Structures are given as structure tokens and as C-alpha cells.
Amino acid sequence: MGFGDAIEVEHVTTPADWQRRGMAMGAPFASAHSFFQTGPFRPSNLAPKVEGVVFAGSGTQPGVGVPMVLVSGRLAAERILGKDRSYRSRAMRLAAPSPLAT
């Protein structure tokens, strides 16, 4: 039996299906990748009506892509645990002048 023969159910979803489901201005997994649906314009990490609910992932701030989703996870953790004052991102460590510089 080949791969195609093993398929029991097949469903193809198109952008037209997304539009019928109310996702005409977005994508199937989150907001669209247009300017006004990126970064600070994306939905907040905090549930507006439920205390203690924090979201992480491409559908929340700051946006899509692996780096942004990782930042989103960090923001969610900070919302729950508070800021880790000892944390310094690698980018900040690289940008800081070396104490050994003369």
C-alpha cells in the first residue's frame, strides 16, 4: 500500500474557506502579516476579561516568526513571574562595551 492509498480523509482548505470563517483579514493561525497587524498592533498577551490568563505565540505581541514567538514567550513569562532583572539578552551583551576595552 502506498502513501496515497493510506489516506482515509483528505480536506483541502483555501483562502476562500478562511474568508467564509471570518478570517478574511488574517491568516489561518493568526493575524495577517500586514503593517497594522504586526508588532504593537497585534492582540495583547493578556486576556482582557480574565485575570491571570497570558498568551504566547505568533497570534500575540510581538508577532510571527521563531524569534518573535520566543520573545512572546518571554513576555508571557514576565507577565506571570515579573521581570528577571539579572537577564541580559545576547544582543544587549554584544552591544555593551567590553570591560576589557581600552
Protein backbone atom coordinates (compact mmCIF):
# COMPACT_ATOMS: atom_id res chain seq x y z
CA MET A 1 0.00 0.00 0.00
CA GLY A 2 1.38 3.43 -0.95
CA PHE A 3 1.09 6.68 0.95
CA GLY A 4 -1.90 7.90 -1.11
CA ASP A 5 -3.74 4.63 -0.55
CA ALA A 6 -3.36 5.04 3.23
CA ILE A 7 -5.16 8.41 3.31
CA GLU A 8 -8.60 7.91 4.83
CA VAL A 9 -9.72 11.54 4.96
CA GLU A 10 -8.46 14.44 2.91
CA HIS A 11 -9.57 18.04 3.33
CA VAL A 12 -8.18 20.97 1.40
CA THR A 13 -8.57 24.44 2.92
CA THR A 14 -8.14 27.52 0.77
CA PRO A 15 -8.16 31.28 1.46
CA ALA A 16 -11.81 31.26 0.32
CA ASP A 17 -12.58 28.90 3.21
CA TRP A 18 -10.77 31.23 5.62
CA GLN A 19 -12.87 34.14 4.36
CA ARG A 20 -16.11 32.19 4.96
CA ARG A 21 -14.91 31.54 8.52
CA GLY A 22 -14.30 35.23 9.17
CA MET A 23 -10.55 35.18 8.62
CA ALA A 24 -10.60 37.38 5.51
CA MET A 25 -8.24 39.89 7.14
CA GLY A 26 -5.92 37.33 8.66
CA ALA A 27 -4.24 34.01 8.20
CA PRO A 28 -5.34 30.58 9.41
CA PHE A 29 -3.17 30.68 12.52
CA ALA A 30 -3.00 34.37 13.47
CA SER A 31 -3.37 37.93 12.21
CA ALA A 32 -2.17 38.78 8.73
CA HIS A 33 1.37 39.91 8.06
CA SER A 34 0.32 43.42 7.13
CA PHE A 35 1.70 46.51 8.88
CA PHE A 36 -1.36 47.19 11.06
CA GLN A 37 -1.45 43.59 12.25
CA THR A 38 2.19 43.36 13.36
CA GLY A 39 4.14 44.26 16.48
CA PRO A 40 2.26 46.62 18.79
CA PHE A 41 -0.92 46.34 16.71
CA ARG A 42 -1.25 42.60 17.40
CA PRO A 43 -3.55 41.39 20.20
CA SER A 44 -2.17 41.80 23.71
CA ASN A 45 -0.53 38.97 25.67
CA LEU A 46 -3.10 39.49 28.44
CA ALA A 47 -6.70 38.28 28.28
CA PRO A 48 -8.74 41.49 28.72
CA LYS A 49 -11.57 39.93 30.73
CA VAL A 50 -9.88 37.04 32.54
CA GLU A 51 -7.33 37.79 35.24
CA GLY A 52 -4.19 35.65 35.16
CA VAL A 53 -4.54 34.42 31.56
CA VAL A 54 -1.47 35.17 29.46
CA PHE A 55 -0.98 34.25 25.81
CA ALA A 56 2.22 33.42 23.92
CA GLY A 57 2.82 32.63 20.28
CA SER A 58 2.52 34.10 16.81
CA GLY A 59 -1.01 35.40 17.38
CA THR A 60 0.03 37.82 20.13
CA GLN A 61 2.58 40.58 20.51
CA PRO A 62 5.22 40.95 19.17
CA GLY A 63 4.36 38.83 16.12
CA VAL A 64 5.25 35.94 13.85
CA GLY A 65 8.45 34.06 13.21
CA VAL A 66 10.55 32.00 15.57
CA PRO A 67 12.43 34.97 17.12
CA MET A 68 9.20 36.88 17.77
CA VAL A 69 7.46 33.81 19.19
CA LEU A 70 10.39 33.33 21.57
CA VAL A 71 10.11 36.98 22.61
CA SER A 72 6.37 36.42 23.06
CA GLY A 73 7.09 33.52 25.42
CA ARG A 74 9.50 35.69 27.40
CA LEU A 75 6.89 38.47 27.63
CA ALA A 76 4.27 35.97 28.83
CA ALA A 77 6.66 34.63 31.48
CA GLU A 78 7.43 38.18 32.65
CA ARG A 79 3.71 38.92 32.92
CA ILE A 80 3.35 35.94 35.26
CA LEU A 81 6.64 35.95 37.19
CA GLY A 82 7.76 39.57 36.90
CA LYS A 83 10.90 40.83 35.20
CA ASP A 84 14.13 38.97 35.77
CA ARG A 85 16.45 41.89 36.50
CA SER A 86 19.52 39.70 36.01
CA TYR A 87 18.55 38.71 32.45
CA ARG A 88 20.57 40.32 29.65
CA SER A 89 19.76 39.31 26.10
CA ARG A 90 22.62 38.15 23.94
CA ALA A 91 22.05 41.17 21.69
CA MET A 92 22.41 43.52 24.64
CA ARG A 93 25.53 41.71 25.85
CA LEU A 94 27.10 42.04 22.39
CA ALA A 95 26.18 45.72 22.17
CA ALA A 96 27.57 46.60 25.58
CA PRO A 97 31.16 47.83 25.69
CA SER A 98 33.59 45.27 26.98
CA PRO A 99 35.00 45.98 30.44
CA LEU A 100 38.37 44.98 28.95
CA ALA A 101 38.23 47.63 26.21
CA THR A 102 40.86 50.31 26.47
